[in-house]
Amino acid sequence: METLPLPFEKALVTGAAGFIGSHLCDRLLQAGIDVVGFDNLSTGREEFLSGALGDPRFRLVRGDTQDPAALEEAMRGRQFVFHLAANADVRFGLQHPRRDLEQNTLATFNALEAARRAGVKGFAFSSTGSVYGEPAVHPTPEDAPFPVQTSLYGASKLAGEGLVQAYAEGFGMRGFVFRFVSILGERYSHGHVFDFHRKLRADPSRLEVLGNGRQRKSYLYVQDCVDAIFPALARAEGGLNTFNLGTDEACEVDDSVGWICEAMGLKPEILHTGGERGWVGDSPFILLDTSRIRALGWKPSLSIREGVLKTLRYLRDNPWLLEKR
């Protein structure tokens, strides 16, 4: 997809060394944007920024989103902030309840307040389809009524969305909320493809699968995810804009297991842990309505199966990710 001209020249990306953040930095630089990356490198990897670090328009600031002064200093002179830094460890939220609050909700407040104090007028927030909990409507549109929140991760992201909305209304910021499905692709370092690949490397004869394997999920290739952000920024109306980002299909977990095993040339015994959810807060069916972003000219280039296999090839070609885990 063509890279559309953006309404700013200088941006900051939190979580810049992460999976999605590093790809976004690359694409912003390709679009001629001067980029400051902000990351504490706790889960991000400097290797993901190898291309960006060689570009004179890129500067990496090692800082933490729990440090408001560092955020504000890094944002000075910026015109737009992409806030991608977060705790994305959805499965273990109940074991560390404060982590989602601090790294997702409070970090979003810190980023918004730093942006306000630094005079930044545009703010994009990476949210999640998990904010819909277990909705009654599929595909789920952006204006669907929210049910009871089923995960601390989803609840913390929904609280972050509320802060973005309030800052956009109260301080005249142009706000963007992107609700992602699970993202796949190069630099992927956690999630089901990573876990299955790691387990099968350790023991090719058996594979444990959380739940009953019939959970239906939607996934999106990372380059398609970044592609969608550009028309939203370039073509959406002012004020606050919220977009679902995903494919128009879902697959069962067992479908993905089959693709991975076939690609690895394995026929392991599949051991399901049982139940329709892999863990507390795991939604058994995620499929988002993406007609709003498609109306701006975007559509994904890869199917879920193609995204899974592309991710698997990347993991097989980069075994250092497993070693550094």
C-alpha atoms as a PDB file:
ATOM      1  CA  MET A   1       0.000   0.000   0.000  1.00  0.00           C
ATOM      2  CA  GLU A   2       1.252   3.492  -0.787  1.00  0.00           C
ATOM      3  CA  THR A   3       2.604   5.573   2.083  1.00  0.00           C
ATOM      4  CA  LEU A   4       0.364   8.620   2.372  1.00  0.00           C
ATOM      5  CA  PRO A   5       1.723  12.050   3.376  1.00  0.00           C
ATOM      6  CA  LEU A   6       1.325  12.641   7.101  1.00  0.00           C
ATOM      7  CA  PRO A   7       0.196  15.887   8.784  1.00  0.00           C
ATOM      8  CA  PHE A   8       3.379  16.184  10.880  1.00  0.00           C
ATOM      9  CA  GLU A   9       7.145  16.055  10.424  1.00  0.00           C
ATOM     10  CA  LYS A  10       8.431  15.083  13.882  1.00  0.00           C
ATOM     11  CA  ALA A  11       7.120  12.179  15.942  1.00  0.00           C
ATOM     12  CA  LEU A  12       7.901  10.184  19.074  1.00  0.00           C
ATOM     13  CA  VAL A  13       7.186   6.459  19.435  1.00  0.00           C
ATOM     14  CA  THR A  14       7.025   4.843  22.881  1.00  0.00           C
ATOM     15  CA  GLY A  15       7.809   1.139  22.807  1.00  0.00           C
ATOM     16  CA  ALA A  16      10.007   1.872  19.801  1.00  0.00           C
ATOM     17  CA  ALA A  17      12.147  -1.251  20.200  1.00  0.00           C
ATOM     18  CA  GLY A  18       9.137  -3.531  20.444  1.00  0.00           C
ATOM     19  CA  PHE A  19       7.536  -5.745  17.811  1.00  0.00           C
ATOM     20  CA  ILE A  20       5.062  -3.251  16.334  1.00  0.00           C
ATOM     21  CA  GLY A  21       6.888  -0.115  17.471  1.00  0.00           C
ATOM     22  CA  SER A  22      10.088  -0.950  15.593  1.00  0.00           C
ATOM     23  CA  HIS A  23       8.163  -1.544  12.369  1.00  0.00           C
ATOM     24  CA  LEU A  24       6.332   1.747  12.850  1.00  0.00           C
ATOM     25  CA  CYS A  25       9.645   3.575  13.331  1.00  0.00           C
ATOM     26  CA  ASP A  26      10.963   2.083  10.094  1.00  0.00           C
ATOM     27  CA  ARG A  27       7.883   3.129   8.164  1.00  0.00           C
ATOM     28  CA  LEU A  28       7.811   6.653   9.599  1.00  0.00           C
ATOM     29  CA  LEU A  29      11.442   7.114   8.599  1.00  0.00           C
ATOM     30  CA  GLN A  30      10.643   5.847   5.098  1.00  0.00           C
ATOM     31  CA  ALA A  31       7.911   8.504   4.964  1.00  0.00           C
ATOM     32  CA  GLY A  32      10.461  11.232   5.754  1.00  0.00           C
ATOM     33  CA  ILE A  33       9.450  11.735   9.395  1.00  0.00           C
ATOM     34  CA  ASP A  34      12.032  12.689  12.025  1.00  0.00           C
ATOM     35  CA  VAL A  35      11.568  10.070  14.788  1.00  0.00           C
ATOM     36  CA  VAL A  36      12.504   9.852  18.462  1.00  0.00           C
ATOM     37  CA  GLY A  37      12.160   6.328  19.820  1.00  0.00           C
ATOM     38  CA  PHE A  38      11.469   5.947  23.554  1.00  0.00           C
ATOM     39  CA  ASP A  39      12.011   2.544  25.186  1.00  0.00           C
ATOM     40  CA  ASN A  40      13.433   1.118  28.406  1.00  0.00           C
ATOM     41  CA  LEU A  41      14.474  -2.066  26.542  1.00  0.00           C
ATOM     42  CA  SER A  42      12.923  -4.288  29.205  1.00  0.00           C
ATOM     43  CA  THR A  43      11.107  -6.324  26.554  1.00  0.00           C
ATOM     44  CA  GLY A  44      12.037  -4.396  23.401  1.00  0.00           C
ATOM     45  CA  ARG A  45      15.176  -5.394  21.528  1.00  0.00           C
ATOM     46  CA  GLU A  46      17.720  -2.973  20.167  1.00  0.00           C
ATOM     47  CA  GLU A  47      18.339  -5.442  17.315  1.00  0.00           C
ATOM     48  CA  PHE A  48      14.872  -4.584  15.977  1.00  0.00           C
ATOM     49  CA  LEU A  49      16.047  -0.996  15.486  1.00  0.00           C
ATOM     50  CA  SER A  50      19.222  -1.855  13.570  1.00  0.00           C
ATOM     51  CA  GLY A  51      17.943  -0.128  10.438  1.00  0.00           C
ATOM     52  CA  ALA A  52      16.521   2.895  12.235  1.00  0.00           C
ATOM     53  CA  LEU A  53      19.686   3.462  14.266  1.00  0.00           C
ATOM     54  CA  GLY A  54      21.611   3.956  11.032  1.00  0.00           C
ATOM     55  CA  ASP A  55      19.277   6.760   9.942  1.00  0.00           C
ATOM     56  CA  PRO A  56      20.306  10.322  10.940  1.00  0.00           C
ATOM     57  CA  ARG A  57      16.640  11.231  11.424  1.00  0.00           C
ATOM     58  CA  PHE A  58      16.265   8.677  14.241  1.00  0.00           C
ATOM     59  CA  ARG A  59      17.275   9.012  17.877  1.00  0.00           C
ATOM     60  CA  LEU A  60      16.718   6.393  20.583  1.00  0.00           C
ATOM     61  CA  VAL A  61      16.033   7.602  24.122  1.00  0.00           C
ATOM     62  CA  ARG A  62      16.358   4.944  26.792  1.00  0.00           C
ATOM     63  CA  GLY A  63      13.662   5.890  29.244  1.00  0.00           C
ATOM     64  CA  ASP A  64      10.701   4.504  31.157  1.00  0.00           C
ATOM     65  CA  THR A  65       7.045   5.485  30.793  1.00  0.00           C
ATOM     66  CA  GLN A  66       6.910   5.619  34.619  1.00  0.00           C
ATOM     67  CA  ASP A  67       9.236   8.658  34.432  1.00  0.00           C
ATOM     68  CA  PRO A  68       7.073  11.669  33.441  1.00  0.00           C
ATOM     69  CA  ALA A  69      10.016  14.073  33.309  1.00  0.00           C
ATOM     70  CA  ALA A  70      11.939  11.844  30.889  1.00  0.00           C
ATOM     71  CA  LEU A  71       8.860  11.490  28.693  1.00  0.00           C
ATOM     72  CA  GLU A  72       8.262  15.243  28.585  1.00  0.00           C
ATOM     73  CA  GLU A  73      11.888  15.960  27.754  1.00  0.00           C
ATOM     74  CA  ALA A  74      11.871  13.415  24.916  1.00  0.00           C
ATOM     75  CA  MET A  75       8.649  14.893  23.510  1.00  0.00           C
ATOM     76  CA  ARG A  76       9.875  18.473  23.293  1.00  0.00           C
ATOM     77  CA  GLY A  77       9.751  19.643  19.686  1.00  0.00           C
ATOM     78  CA  ARG A  78       7.627  16.669  18.598  1.00  0.00           C
ATOM     79  CA  GLN A  79       4.316  17.184  16.811  1.00  0.00           C
ATOM     80  CA  PHE A  80       2.837  13.704  17.205  1.00  0.00           C
ATOM     81  CA  VAL A  81       3.146  10.846  19.722  1.00  0.00           C
ATOM     82  CA  PHE A  82       2.525   7.152  19.053  1.00  0.00           C
ATOM     83  CA  HIS A  83       2.073   5.436  22.407  1.00  0.00           C
ATOM     84  CA  LEU A  84       2.764   1.733  21.909  1.00  0.00           C
ATOM     85  CA  ALA A  85       4.668   0.915  25.116  1.00  0.00           C
ATOM     86  CA  ALA A  86       2.643  -1.493  27.257  1.00  0.00           C
ATOM     87  CA  ASN A  87       2.584  -4.736  29.168  1.00  0.00           C
ATOM     88  CA  ALA A  88       1.236  -7.185  26.592  1.00  0.00           C
ATOM     89  CA  ASP A  89       1.455 -10.307  28.761  1.00  0.00           C
ATOM     90  CA  VAL A  90      -2.296 -10.938  28.700  1.00  0.00           C
ATOM     91  CA  ARG A  91      -2.309 -14.463  30.111  1.00  0.00           C
ATOM     92  CA  PHE A  92      -0.679 -13.693  33.454  1.00  0.00           C
ATOM     93  CA  GLY A  93      -2.531 -10.503  34.393  1.00  0.00           C
ATOM     94  CA  LEU A  94      -4.192 -12.034  37.442  1.00  0.00           C
ATOM     95  CA  GLN A  95      -0.793 -13.074  38.802  1.00  0.00           C
ATOM     96  CA  HIS A  96       0.507  -9.491  38.596  1.00  0.00           C
ATOM     97  CA  PRO A  97      -2.588  -7.242  38.914  1.00  0.00           C
ATOM     98  CA  ARG A  98      -0.656  -4.001  39.392  1.00  0.00           C
ATOM     99  CA  ARG A  99       1.463  -4.482  36.254  1.00  0.00           C
ATOM    100  CA  ASP A 100      -1.373  -3.712  33.809  1.00  0.00           C
ATOM    101  CA  LEU A 101      -2.403  -0.674  35.846  1.00  0.00           C
ATOM    102  CA  GLU A 102       1.111   0.745  35.954  1.00  0.00           C
ATOM    103  CA  GLN A 103       2.427  -0.169  32.505  1.00  0.00           C
ATOM    104  CA  ASN A 104      -0.795   0.355  30.564  1.00  0.00           C
ATOM    105  CA  THR A 105      -3.155   2.793  32.288  1.00  0.00           C
ATOM    106  CA  LEU A 106      -0.759   4.963  34.324  1.00  0.00           C
ATOM    107  CA  ALA A 107       1.836   4.904  31.548  1.00  0.00           C
ATOM    108  CA  THR A 108      -0.810   6.205  29.133  1.00  0.00           C
ATOM    109  CA  PHE A 109      -1.669   9.029  31.550  1.00  0.00           C
ATOM    110  CA  ASN A 110       2.041   9.865  31.860  1.00  0.00           C
ATOM    111  CA  ALA A 111       2.435   9.935  28.074  1.00  0.00           C
ATOM    112  CA  LEU A 112      -0.659  12.101  27.576  1.00  0.00           C
ATOM    113  CA  GLU A 113       0.309  14.554  30.291  1.00  0.00           C
ATOM    114  CA  ALA A 114       3.878  14.774  28.980  1.00  0.00           C
ATOM    115  CA  ALA A 115       2.502  15.396  25.484  1.00  0.00           C
ATOM    116  CA  ARG A 116       0.207  18.146  26.798  1.00  0.00           C
ATOM    117  CA  ARG A 117       3.014  19.837  28.700  1.00  0.00           C
ATOM    118  CA  ALA A 118       5.335  19.579  25.694  1.00  0.00           C
ATOM    119  CA  GLY A 119       2.723  21.112  23.386  1.00  0.00           C
ATOM    120  CA  VAL A 120       2.146  17.996  21.267  1.00  0.00           C
ATOM    121  CA  LYS A 121      -1.186  18.166  19.425  1.00  0.00           C
ATOM    122  CA  GLY A 122      -1.525  14.610  18.052  1.00  0.00           C
ATOM    123  CA  PHE A 123      -1.648  11.332  20.000  1.00  0.00           C
ATOM    124  CA  ALA A 124      -2.179   7.741  18.805  1.00  0.00           C
ATOM    125  CA  PHE A 125      -2.822   4.909  21.265  1.00  0.00           C
ATOM    126  CA  SER A 126      -2.419   1.183  20.646  1.00  0.00           C
ATOM    127  CA  SER A 127      -5.450  -0.463  22.226  1.00  0.00           C
ATOM    128  CA  THR A 128      -6.846  -3.952  21.752  1.00  0.00           C
ATOM    129  CA  GLY A 129      -9.864  -5.916  20.615  1.00  0.00           C
ATOM    130  CA  SER A 130      -9.855  -7.328  24.150  1.00  0.00           C
ATOM    131  CA  VAL A 131     -11.706  -4.186  25.314  1.00  0.00           C
ATOM    132  CA  TYR A 132     -14.862  -5.790  23.857  1.00  0.00           C
ATOM    133  CA  GLY A 133     -14.626  -8.629  26.395  1.00  0.00           C
ATOM    134  CA  GLU A 134     -16.961 -11.327  25.102  1.00  0.00           C
ATOM    135  CA  PRO A 135     -19.296  -9.350  22.822  1.00  0.00           C
ATOM    136  CA  ALA A 136     -22.654 -10.520  21.526  1.00  0.00           C
ATOM    137  CA  VAL A 137     -22.034  -9.136  18.017  1.00  0.00           C
ATOM    138  CA  HIS A 138     -19.520 -10.550  15.523  1.00  0.00           C
ATOM    139  CA  PRO A 139     -17.854  -8.992  13.612  1.00  0.00           C
ATOM    140  CA  THR A 140     -17.688  -6.446  16.440  1.00  0.00           C
ATOM    141  CA  PRO A 141     -17.909  -2.756  15.388  1.00  0.00           C
ATOM    142  CA  GLU A 142     -16.235   0.144  17.180  1.00  0.00           C
ATOM    143  CA  ASP A 143     -19.558   1.354  18.592  1.00  0.00           C
ATOM    144  CA  ALA A 144     -20.587  -2.024  20.055  1.00  0.00           C
ATOM    145  CA  PRO A 145     -21.763  -1.854  23.661  1.00  0.00           C
ATOM    146  CA  PHE A 146     -19.042  -2.986  26.036  1.00  0.00           C
ATOM    147  CA  PRO A 147     -19.854  -6.046  28.167  1.00  0.00           C
ATOM    148  CA  VAL A 148     -18.209  -6.848  31.498  1.00  0.00           C
ATOM    149  CA  GLN A 149     -14.430  -6.715  31.152  1.00  0.00           C
ATOM    150  CA  THR A 150     -12.935 -10.201  31.313  1.00  0.00           C
ATOM    151  CA  SER A 151      -9.208  -9.429  31.630  1.00  0.00           C
ATOM    152  CA  LEU A 152      -7.109  -6.924  33.526  1.00  0.00           C
ATOM    153  CA  TYR A 153      -5.235  -6.252  30.285  1.00  0.00           C
ATOM    154  CA  GLY A 154      -8.440  -5.304  28.447  1.00  0.00           C
ATOM    155  CA  ALA A 155      -9.648  -3.229  31.401  1.00  0.00           C
ATOM    156  CA  SER A 156      -6.343  -1.338  31.595  1.00  0.00           C
ATOM    157  CA  LYS A 157      -6.435  -0.594  27.870  1.00  0.00           C
ATOM    158  CA  LEU A 158     -10.055   0.573  28.055  1.00  0.00           C
ATOM    159  CA  ALA A 159      -9.067   2.939  30.855  1.00  0.00           C
ATOM    160  CA  GLY A 160      -6.262   4.216  28.620  1.00  0.00           C
ATOM    161  CA  GLU A 161      -8.783   4.832  25.844  1.00  0.00           C
ATOM    162  CA  GLY A 162     -10.871   6.885  28.253  1.00  0.00           C
ATOM    163  CA  LEU A 163      -7.873   9.041  29.090  1.00  0.00           C
ATOM    164  CA  VAL A 164      -7.105   9.607  25.395  1.00  0.00           C
ATOM    165  CA  GLN A 165     -10.726  10.607  24.809  1.00  0.00           C
ATOM    166  CA  ALA A 166     -10.716  13.017  27.760  1.00  0.00           C
ATOM    167  CA  TYR A 167      -7.423  14.649  26.730  1.00  0.00           C
ATOM    168  CA  ALA A 168      -8.618  14.991  23.134  1.00  0.00           C
ATOM    169  CA  GLU A 169     -11.801  16.699  24.306  1.00  0.00           C
ATOM    170  CA  GLY A 170     -10.320  18.737  27.128  1.00  0.00           C
ATOM    171  CA  PHE A 171      -7.037  19.890  25.614  1.00  0.00           C
ATOM    172  CA  GLY A 172      -7.787  19.987  21.893  1.00  0.00           C
ATOM    173  CA  MET A 173      -5.524  17.095  20.969  1.00  0.00           C
ATOM    174  CA  ARG A 174      -6.171  15.071  17.855  1.00  0.00           C
ATOM    175  CA  GLY A 175      -6.564  11.556  19.230  1.00  0.00           C
ATOM    176  CA  PHE A 176      -6.427   8.154  17.558  1.00  0.00           C
ATOM    177  CA  VAL A 177      -7.266   4.817  19.171  1.00  0.00           C
ATOM    178  CA  PHE A 178      -6.312   1.645  17.290  1.00  0.00           C
ATOM    179  CA  ARG A 179      -7.873  -1.564  18.570  1.00  0.00           C
ATOM    180  CA  PHE A 180      -5.628  -4.358  17.326  1.00  0.00           C
ATOM    181  CA  VAL A 181      -6.354  -8.044  17.060  1.00  0.00           C
ATOM    182  CA  SER A 182      -3.268 -10.215  17.723  1.00  0.00           C
ATOM    183  CA  ILE A 183      -0.443  -9.157  15.407  1.00  0.00           C
ATOM    184  CA  LEU A 184       1.894 -11.566  13.581  1.00  0.00           C
ATOM    185  CA  GLY A 185       5.043 -11.198  11.504  1.00  0.00           C
ATOM    186  CA  GLU A 186       8.729 -10.402  11.579  1.00  0.00           C
ATOM    187  CA  ARG A 187      10.195  -9.483  15.018  1.00  0.00           C
ATOM    188  CA  TYR A 188       7.361 -11.382  16.705  1.00  0.00           C
ATOM    189  CA  SER A 189       8.642 -12.529  20.081  1.00  0.00           C
ATOM    190  CA  HIS A 190       5.606 -13.690  22.061  1.00  0.00           C
ATOM    191  CA  GLY A 191       2.247 -15.256  21.327  1.00  0.00           C
ATOM    192  CA  HIS A 192       0.851 -18.555  20.158  1.00  0.00           C
ATOM    193  CA  VAL A 193       3.099 -19.094  17.110  1.00  0.00           C
ATOM    194  CA  PHE A 194       6.171 -18.368  19.259  1.00  0.00           C
ATOM    195  CA  ASP A 195       4.958 -20.690  22.026  1.00  0.00           C
ATOM    196  CA  PHE A 196       4.023 -23.580  19.713  1.00  0.00           C
ATOM    197  CA  HIS A 197       7.292 -23.289  17.776  1.00  0.00           C
ATOM    198  CA  ARG A 198       9.311 -23.297  21.004  1.00  0.00           C
ATOM    199  CA  LYS A 199       7.412 -26.277  22.444  1.00  0.00           C
ATOM    200  CA  LEU A 200       7.776 -28.325  19.259  1.00  0.00           C
ATOM    201  CA  ARG A 201      11.492 -27.611  19.062  1.00  0.00           C
ATOM    202  CA  ALA A 202      11.850 -28.887  22.618  1.00  0.00           C
ATOM    203  CA  ASP A 203       9.628 -31.950  22.085  1.00  0.00           C
ATOM    204  CA  PRO A 204       8.447 -32.710  18.519  1.00  0.00           C
ATOM    205  CA  SER A 205       6.328 -35.645  19.728  1.00  0.00           C
ATOM    206  CA  ARG A 206       3.700 -33.743  21.709  1.00  0.00           C
ATOM    207  CA  LEU A 207       2.118 -30.310  21.925  1.00  0.00           C
ATOM    208  CA  GLU A 208       0.028 -28.919  24.757  1.00  0.00           C
ATOM    209  CA  VAL A 209      -2.724 -26.544  23.575  1.00  0.00           C
ATOM    210  CA  LEU A 210      -4.562 -24.371  26.086  1.00  0.00           C
ATOM    211  CA  GLY A 211      -8.343 -24.763  26.009  1.00  0.00           C
ATOM    212  CA  ASN A 212     -10.199 -27.063  23.640  1.00  0.00           C
ATOM    213  CA  GLY A 213      -8.508 -25.802  20.471  1.00  0.00           C
ATOM    214  CA  ARG A 214     -11.785 -24.481  19.087  1.00  0.00           C
ATOM    215  CA  GLN A 215     -11.295 -20.902  20.245  1.00  0.00           C
ATOM    216  CA  ARG A 216     -11.716 -18.658  17.209  1.00  0.00           C
ATOM    217  CA  LYS A 217      -9.240 -15.813  16.828  1.00  0.00           C
ATOM    218  CA  SER A 218      -8.426 -13.125  14.301  1.00  0.00           C
ATOM    219  CA  TYR A 219      -4.820 -12.198  13.505  1.00  0.00           C
ATOM    220  CA  LEU A 220      -3.221  -9.456  11.401  1.00  0.00           C
ATOM    221  CA  TYR A 221       0.178  -9.291   9.708  1.00  0.00           C
ATOM    222  CA  VAL A 222       2.354  -6.545  11.204  1.00  0.00           C
ATOM    223  CA  GLN A 223       3.004  -4.724   7.924  1.00  0.00           C
ATOM    224  CA  ASP A 224      -0.741  -4.661   7.273  1.00  0.00           C
ATOM    225  CA  CYS A 225      -1.222  -3.249  10.773  1.00  0.00           C
ATOM    226  CA  VAL A 226       1.245  -0.414  10.141  1.00  0.00           C
ATOM    227  CA  ASP A 227      -0.251   0.140   6.673  1.00  0.00           C
ATOM    228  CA  ALA A 228      -3.634   0.836   8.282  1.00  0.00           C
ATOM    229  CA  ILE A 229      -2.285   3.571  10.542  1.00  0.00           C
ATOM    230  CA  PHE A 230      -1.249   5.831   7.670  1.00  0.00           C
ATOM    231  CA  PRO A 231      -4.653   6.370   5.975  1.00  0.00           C
ATOM    232  CA  ALA A 232      -6.192   6.863   9.411  1.00  0.00           C
ATOM    233  CA  LEU A 233      -3.774   9.694  10.185  1.00  0.00           C
ATOM    234  CA  ALA A 234      -3.954  11.202   6.694  1.00  0.00           C
ATOM    235  CA  ARG A 235      -7.669  10.898   5.908  1.00  0.00           C
ATOM    236  CA  ALA A 236      -9.662  10.708   9.143  1.00  0.00           C
ATOM    237  CA  GLU A 237     -11.536  13.753  10.372  1.00  0.00           C
ATOM    238  CA  GLY A 238     -10.298  15.852  13.299  1.00  0.00           C
ATOM    239  CA  GLY A 239     -10.975  15.221  16.967  1.00  0.00           C
ATOM    240  CA  LEU A 240     -11.027  11.650  18.230  1.00  0.00           C
ATOM    241  CA  ASN A 241     -10.967   8.654  15.877  1.00  0.00           C
ATOM    242  CA  THR A 242     -11.234   4.985  16.895  1.00  0.00           C
ATOM    243  CA  PHE A 243     -10.439   2.150  14.494  1.00  0.00           C
ATOM    244  CA  ASN A 244     -10.559  -1.624  14.672  1.00  0.00           C
ATOM    245  CA  LEU A 245      -7.570  -3.228  12.928  1.00  0.00           C
ATOM    246  CA  GLY A 246      -7.883  -6.859  11.898  1.00  0.00           C
ATOM    247  CA  THR A 247      -8.782  -9.241   9.103  1.00  0.00           C
ATOM    248  CA  ASP A 248     -12.297 -10.200   8.046  1.00  0.00           C
ATOM    249  CA  GLU A 249     -11.673 -13.841   9.005  1.00  0.00           C
ATOM    250  CA  ALA A 250     -10.998 -15.885  12.113  1.00  0.00           C
ATOM    251  CA  CYS A 251      -9.367 -19.268  12.554  1.00  0.00           C
ATOM    252  CA  GLU A 252      -9.612 -21.913  15.239  1.00  0.00           C
ATOM    253  CA  VAL A 253      -6.527 -22.434  17.368  1.00  0.00           C
ATOM    254  CA  ASP A 254      -6.355 -26.011  16.067  1.00  0.00           C
ATOM    255  CA  ASP A 255      -6.243 -24.656  12.499  1.00  0.00           C
ATOM    256  CA  SER A 256      -3.130 -22.683  13.359  1.00  0.00           C
ATOM    257  CA  VAL A 257      -1.655 -25.733  15.128  1.00  0.00           C
ATOM    258  CA  GLY A 258      -2.172 -27.744  11.946  1.00  0.00           C
ATOM    259  CA  TRP A 259      -0.476 -25.146   9.722  1.00  0.00           C
ATOM    260  CA  ILE A 260       2.516 -24.896  12.060  1.00  0.00           C
ATOM    261  CA  CYS A 261       2.947 -28.658  12.430  1.00  0.00           C
ATOM    262  CA  GLU A 262       2.664 -29.195   8.675  1.00  0.00           C
ATOM    263  CA  ALA A 263       5.239 -26.485   7.951  1.00  0.00           C
ATOM    264  CA  MET A 264       7.622 -28.032  10.500  1.00  0.00           C
ATOM    265  CA  GLY A 265       7.050 -31.526   9.088  1.00  0.00           C
ATOM    266  CA  LEU A 266       5.744 -32.835  12.423  1.00  0.00           C
ATOM    267  CA  LYS A 267       2.785 -34.934  13.566  1.00  0.00           C
ATOM    268  CA  PRO A 268       2.792 -34.532  17.354  1.00  0.00           C
ATOM    269  CA  GLU A 269       0.200 -35.781  19.797  1.00  0.00           C
ATOM    270  CA  ILE A 270      -2.058 -32.803  20.544  1.00  0.00           C
ATOM    271  CA  LEU A 271      -2.965 -32.466  24.210  1.00  0.00           C
ATOM    272  CA  HIS A 272      -5.780 -29.997  24.938  1.00  0.00           C
ATOM    273  CA  THR A 273      -6.032 -28.679  28.485  1.00  0.00           C
ATOM    274  CA  GLY A 274      -9.830 -28.418  28.083  1.00  0.00           C
ATOM    275  CA  GLY A 275     -12.509 -25.760  28.404  1.00  0.00           C
ATOM    276  CA  GLU A 276     -13.544 -23.123  25.882  1.00  0.00           C
ATOM    277  CA  ARG A 277     -10.967 -20.611  27.189  1.00  0.00           C
ATOM    278  CA  GLY A 278      -7.207 -20.947  27.324  1.00  0.00           C
ATOM    279  CA  TRP A 279      -7.020 -18.906  30.553  1.00  0.00           C
ATOM    280  CA  VAL A 280      -9.196 -16.644  32.672  1.00  0.00           C
ATOM    281  CA  GLY A 281     -10.045 -13.632  30.506  1.00  0.00           C
ATOM    282  CA  ASP A 282      -9.335 -15.391  27.197  1.00  0.00           C
ATOM    283  CA  SER A 283     -12.184 -14.527  24.828  1.00  0.00           C
ATOM    284  CA  PRO A 284     -13.258 -17.653  22.910  1.00  0.00           C
ATOM    285  CA  PHE A 285     -14.209 -15.662  19.788  1.00  0.00           C
ATOM    286  CA  ILE A 286     -12.550 -12.495  18.479  1.00  0.00           C
ATOM    287  CA  LEU A 287     -13.530 -11.030  15.118  1.00  0.00           C
ATOM    288  CA  LEU A 288     -13.607  -7.264  14.574  1.00  0.00           C
ATOM    289  CA  ASP A 289     -15.587  -5.233  12.059  1.00  0.00           C
ATOM    290  CA  THR A 290     -12.976  -3.274  10.081  1.00  0.00           C
ATOM    291  CA  SER A 291     -15.309  -1.486   7.681  1.00  0.00           C
ATOM    292  CA  ARG A 292     -14.404   1.923   9.168  1.00  0.00           C
ATOM    293  CA  ILE A 293     -10.680   1.679   8.310  1.00  0.00           C
ATOM    294  CA  ARG A 294     -11.438  -0.088   5.009  1.00  0.00           C
ATOM    295  CA  ALA A 295     -13.556   2.911   3.996  1.00  0.00           C
ATOM    296  CA  LEU A 296     -10.329   4.955   4.042  1.00  0.00           C
ATOM    297  CA  GLY A 297      -8.775   2.714   1.391  1.00  0.00           C
ATOM    298  CA  TRP A 298      -7.014   0.051   3.480  1.00  0.00           C
ATOM    299  CA  LYS A 299      -7.228  -3.712   3.253  1.00  0.00           C
ATOM    300  CA  PRO A 300      -4.891  -6.434   4.533  1.00  0.00           C
ATOM    301  CA  SER A 301      -2.519  -8.102   2.088  1.00  0.00           C
ATOM    302  CA  LEU A 302      -2.114 -11.441   3.869  1.00  0.00           C
ATOM    303  CA  SER A 303      -4.606 -14.012   5.134  1.00  0.00           C
ATOM    304  CA  ILE A 304      -4.287 -15.361   8.661  1.00  0.00           C
ATOM    305  CA  ARG A 305      -2.707 -18.572   7.380  1.00  0.00           C
ATOM    306  CA  GLU A 306      -0.156 -16.614   5.345  1.00  0.00           C
ATOM    307  CA  GLY A 307       0.642 -14.454   8.382  1.00  0.00           C
ATOM    308  CA  VAL A 308       1.126 -17.511  10.619  1.00  0.00           C
ATOM    309  CA  LEU A 309       3.475 -19.189   8.133  1.00  0.00           C
ATOM    310  CA  LYS A 310       5.438 -15.987   7.520  1.00  0.00           C
ATOM    311  CA  THR A 311       5.885 -15.614  11.277  1.00  0.00           C
ATOM    312  CA  LEU A 312       7.013 -19.220  11.620  1.00  0.00           C
ATOM    313  CA  ARG A 313       9.617 -18.764   8.861  1.00  0.00           C
ATOM    314  CA  TYR A 314      10.956 -15.704  10.665  1.00  0.00           C
ATOM    315  CA  LEU A 315      11.256 -17.598  13.955  1.00  0.00           C
ATOM    316  CA  ARG A 316      12.998 -20.498  12.245  1.00  0.00           C
ATOM    317  CA  ASP A 317      15.461 -18.080  10.607  1.00  0.00           C
ATOM    318  CA  ASN A 318      16.101 -16.210  13.879  1.00  0.00           C
ATOM    319  CA  PRO A 319      16.704 -18.825  16.608  1.00  0.00           C
ATOM    320  CA  TRP A 320      18.414 -16.156  18.736  1.00  0.00           C
ATOM    321  CA  LEU A 321      14.952 -14.961  19.768  1.00  0.00           C
ATOM    322  CA  LEU A 322      14.335 -18.274  21.508  1.00  0.00           C
ATOM    323  CA  GLU A 323      17.770 -18.173  23.127  1.00  0.00           C
ATOM    324  CA  LYS A 324      17.296 -14.614  24.451  1.00  0.00           C
ATOM    325  CA  ARG A 325      13.878 -15.501  25.821  1.00  0.00           C
END
